[in-house]
């Protein structure tokens, strides 16, 4: 606490607001799980990873060093692969449905 450049009160306020925002985020994610789905909650949490450092740079004029830039790239990369994996899983599930010999057309099921 003594090494914090802005002073003791600023340090305590930073810790307090970090705790408050984590609580709000946790309750919001729990609400998303109960109201929508756990998958949607996970997507929103994954999407928030690259947004937080960008907002910190824009709102708080935070300096971007090499470590933050690499972390941002990894977060974006992880989110893009997350979306791509869901695309592949959906494509595989649709192909698996068509391989079963069932064809759905106009609310009719035909077994070949």
C-alpha atoms as a PDB file:
ATOM      1  CA  UNK A   1       0.000   0.000   0.000  1.00  0.00           C
ATOM      2  CA  UNK A   2       2.881   2.367   0.669  1.00  0.00           C
ATOM      3  CA  UNK A   3       4.243   1.912  -2.855  1.00  0.00           C
ATOM      4  CA  UNK A   4       0.952   2.953  -4.508  1.00  0.00           C
ATOM      5  CA  UNK A   5       1.702   6.232  -6.296  1.00  0.00           C
ATOM      6  CA  UNK A   6      -1.704   7.892  -5.851  1.00  0.00           C
ATOM      7  CA  UNK A   7      -1.859   7.496  -2.076  1.00  0.00           C
ATOM      8  CA  UNK A   8      -3.534   5.394   0.567  1.00  0.00           C
ATOM      9  CA  UNK A   9      -7.122   6.569  -0.031  1.00  0.00           C
ATOM     10  CA  UNK A  10      -6.842   5.971  -3.764  1.00  0.00           C
ATOM     11  CA  UNK A  11      -5.487   2.484  -3.111  1.00  0.00           C
ATOM     12  CA  UNK A  12      -8.370   1.610  -0.777  1.00  0.00           C
ATOM     13  CA  UNK A  13     -10.948   3.052  -3.197  1.00  0.00           C
ATOM     14  CA  UNK A  14      -9.419   1.018  -6.031  1.00  0.00           C
ATOM     15  CA  UNK A  15      -9.689  -2.192  -4.000  1.00  0.00           C
ATOM     16  CA  UNK A  16     -13.234  -1.361  -2.902  1.00  0.00           C
ATOM     17  CA  UNK A  17     -14.511  -0.665  -6.411  1.00  0.00           C
ATOM     18  CA  UNK A  18     -12.786  -3.717  -7.821  1.00  0.00           C
ATOM     19  CA  UNK A  19     -14.624  -5.835  -5.241  1.00  0.00           C
ATOM     20  CA  UNK A  20     -17.947  -4.124  -6.020  1.00  0.00           C
ATOM     21  CA  UNK A  21     -17.596  -4.543  -9.790  1.00  0.00           C
ATOM     22  CA  UNK A  22     -16.627  -8.215  -9.408  1.00  0.00           C
ATOM     23  CA  UNK A  23     -19.753  -8.786  -7.315  1.00  0.00           C
ATOM     24  CA  UNK A  24     -21.941  -7.044  -9.908  1.00  0.00           C
ATOM     25  CA  UNK A  25     -20.326  -9.056 -12.697  1.00  0.00           C
ATOM     26  CA  UNK A  26     -20.803 -12.340 -10.833  1.00  0.00           C
ATOM     27  CA  UNK A  27     -24.465 -11.615 -10.123  1.00  0.00           C
ATOM     28  CA  UNK A  28     -24.989 -10.578 -13.746  1.00  0.00           C
ATOM     29  CA  UNK A  29     -23.416 -13.793 -15.025  1.00  0.00           C
ATOM     30  CA  UNK A  30     -25.547 -15.830 -12.643  1.00  0.00           C
ATOM     31  CA  UNK A  31     -28.618 -13.989 -13.920  1.00  0.00           C
ATOM     32  CA  UNK A  32     -27.652 -14.812 -17.486  1.00  0.00           C
ATOM     33  CA  UNK A  33     -27.272 -18.489 -16.555  1.00  0.00           C
ATOM     34  CA  UNK A  34     -30.705 -18.636 -14.930  1.00  0.00           C
ATOM     35  CA  UNK A  35     -32.567 -16.519 -17.491  1.00  0.00           C
ATOM     36  CA  UNK A  36     -30.905 -17.487 -20.797  1.00  0.00           C
ATOM     37  CA  UNK A  37     -28.299 -20.260 -20.680  1.00  0.00           C
ATOM     38  CA  UNK A  38     -24.859 -21.058 -19.394  1.00  0.00           C
ATOM     39  CA  UNK A  39     -23.538 -21.037 -22.961  1.00  0.00           C
ATOM     40  CA  UNK A  40     -24.704 -17.445 -23.485  1.00  0.00           C
ATOM     41  CA  UNK A  41     -23.185 -16.441 -20.160  1.00  0.00           C
ATOM     42  CA  UNK A  42     -19.888 -17.998 -21.211  1.00  0.00           C
ATOM     43  CA  UNK A  43     -19.990 -16.188 -24.565  1.00  0.00           C
ATOM     44  CA  UNK A  44     -20.571 -12.835 -22.855  1.00  0.00           C
ATOM     45  CA  UNK A  45     -17.745 -13.525 -20.389  1.00  0.00           C
ATOM     46  CA  UNK A  46     -15.395 -14.499 -23.191  1.00  0.00           C
ATOM     47  CA  UNK A  47     -16.379 -11.450 -25.222  1.00  0.00           C
ATOM     48  CA  UNK A  48     -15.679  -9.176 -22.247  1.00  0.00           C
ATOM     49  CA  UNK A  49     -12.025 -10.268 -22.044  1.00  0.00           C
ATOM     50  CA  UNK A  50     -10.721  -8.146 -24.937  1.00  0.00           C
ATOM     51  CA  UNK A  51     -13.157  -5.286 -24.285  1.00  0.00           C
ATOM     52  CA  UNK A  52     -11.938  -4.478 -20.768  1.00  0.00           C
ATOM     53  CA  UNK A  53      -8.351  -3.504 -21.742  1.00  0.00           C
ATOM     54  CA  UNK A  54      -9.640  -1.451 -24.676  1.00  0.00           C
ATOM     55  CA  UNK A  55     -11.981   0.459 -22.379  1.00  0.00           C
ATOM     56  CA  UNK A  56      -9.168   0.951 -19.856  1.00  0.00           C
ATOM     57  CA  UNK A  57      -7.038   2.562 -22.550  1.00  0.00           C
ATOM     58  CA  UNK A  58      -9.889   4.749 -23.790  1.00  0.00           C
ATOM     59  CA  UNK A  59     -11.387   5.824 -20.457  1.00  0.00           C
ATOM     60  CA  UNK A  60      -8.407   5.871 -18.109  1.00  0.00           C
ATOM     61  CA  UNK A  61      -5.663   6.697 -20.655  1.00  0.00           C
ATOM     62  CA  UNK A  62      -3.826   3.580 -19.595  1.00  0.00           C
ATOM     63  CA  UNK A  63      -0.483   2.930 -21.262  1.00  0.00           C
ATOM     64  CA  UNK A  64      -0.329  -0.038 -23.615  1.00  0.00           C
ATOM     65  CA  UNK A  65       2.883  -1.998 -23.249  1.00  0.00           C
ATOM     66  CA  UNK A  66       3.946  -5.202 -24.949  1.00  0.00           C
ATOM     67  CA  UNK A  67       2.470  -7.503 -22.320  1.00  0.00           C
ATOM     68  CA  UNK A  68      -0.972  -5.866 -22.506  1.00  0.00           C
ATOM     69  CA  UNK A  69      -0.933  -5.955 -26.286  1.00  0.00           C
ATOM     70  CA  UNK A  70      -0.032  -9.657 -26.364  1.00  0.00           C
ATOM     71  CA  UNK A  71      -2.727 -10.388 -23.754  1.00  0.00           C
ATOM     72  CA  UNK A  72      -5.258  -8.495 -25.862  1.00  0.00           C
ATOM     73  CA  UNK A  73      -4.286 -10.418 -28.986  1.00  0.00           C
ATOM     74  CA  UNK A  74      -4.554 -13.733 -27.132  1.00  0.00           C
ATOM     75  CA  UNK A  75      -7.985 -12.795 -25.772  1.00  0.00           C
ATOM     76  CA  UNK A  76      -9.268 -11.864 -29.248  1.00  0.00           C
ATOM     77  CA  UNK A  77      -7.699 -14.994 -30.715  1.00  0.00           C
ATOM     78  CA  UNK A  78      -9.306 -17.153 -28.027  1.00  0.00           C
ATOM     79  CA  UNK A  79     -12.731 -15.616 -28.639  1.00  0.00           C
ATOM     80  CA  UNK A  80     -12.480 -16.094 -32.396  1.00  0.00           C
ATOM     81  CA  UNK A  81     -11.505 -19.750 -31.989  1.00  0.00           C
ATOM     82  CA  UNK A  82     -14.323 -20.176 -29.470  1.00  0.00           C
ATOM     83  CA  UNK A  83     -16.832 -18.948 -32.064  1.00  0.00           C
ATOM     84  CA  UNK A  84     -15.195 -21.021 -34.805  1.00  0.00           C
ATOM     85  CA  UNK A  85     -15.375 -24.183 -32.682  1.00  0.00           C
ATOM     86  CA  UNK A  86     -19.091 -23.657 -32.150  1.00  0.00           C
ATOM     87  CA  UNK A  87     -19.487 -23.204 -35.893  1.00  0.00           C
ATOM     88  CA  UNK A  88     -17.675 -26.504 -36.520  1.00  0.00           C
ATOM     89  CA  UNK A  89     -19.731 -28.306 -33.867  1.00  0.00           C
ATOM     90  CA  UNK A  90     -22.972 -27.006 -35.383  1.00  0.00           C
ATOM     91  CA  UNK A  91     -21.853 -28.034 -38.869  1.00  0.00           C
ATOM     92  CA  UNK A  92     -20.929 -31.502 -37.588  1.00  0.00           C
ATOM     93  CA  UNK A  93     -24.282 -31.856 -35.805  1.00  0.00           C
ATOM     94  CA  UNK A  94     -26.173 -30.922 -38.981  1.00  0.00           C
ATOM     95  CA  UNK A  95     -24.134 -33.408 -41.012  1.00  0.00           C
ATOM     96  CA  UNK A  96     -24.780 -36.087 -38.379  1.00  0.00           C
ATOM     97  CA  UNK A  97     -28.535 -35.435 -38.580  1.00  0.00           C
ATOM     98  CA  UNK A  98     -28.550 -35.838 -42.340  1.00  0.00           C
ATOM     99  CA  UNK A  99     -26.530 -39.082 -42.082  1.00  0.00           C
ATOM    100  CA  UNK A 100     -29.182 -40.669 -39.855  1.00  0.00           C
ATOM    101  CA  UNK A 101     -31.519 -41.071 -42.815  1.00  0.00           C
ATOM    102  CA  UNK A 102     -34.099 -38.710 -41.387  1.00  0.00           C
ATOM    103  CA  UNK A 103     -35.259 -35.849 -43.490  1.00  0.00           C
ATOM    104  CA  UNK A 104     -37.396 -33.094 -42.059  1.00  0.00           C
ATOM    105  CA  UNK A 105     -39.518 -31.213 -44.556  1.00  0.00           C
ATOM    106  CA  UNK A 106     -42.663 -29.166 -43.923  1.00  0.00           C
ATOM    107  CA  UNK A 107     -43.233 -30.694 -40.491  1.00  0.00           C
ATOM    108  CA  UNK A 108     -43.147 -34.214 -41.919  1.00  0.00           C
ATOM    109  CA  UNK A 109     -40.650 -36.878 -41.002  1.00  0.00           C
ATOM    110  CA  UNK A 110     -39.699 -39.312 -43.728  1.00  0.00           C
ATOM    111  CA  UNK A 111     -37.631 -42.366 -42.893  1.00  0.00           C
ATOM    112  CA  UNK A 112     -35.630 -43.591 -45.851  1.00  0.00           C
END
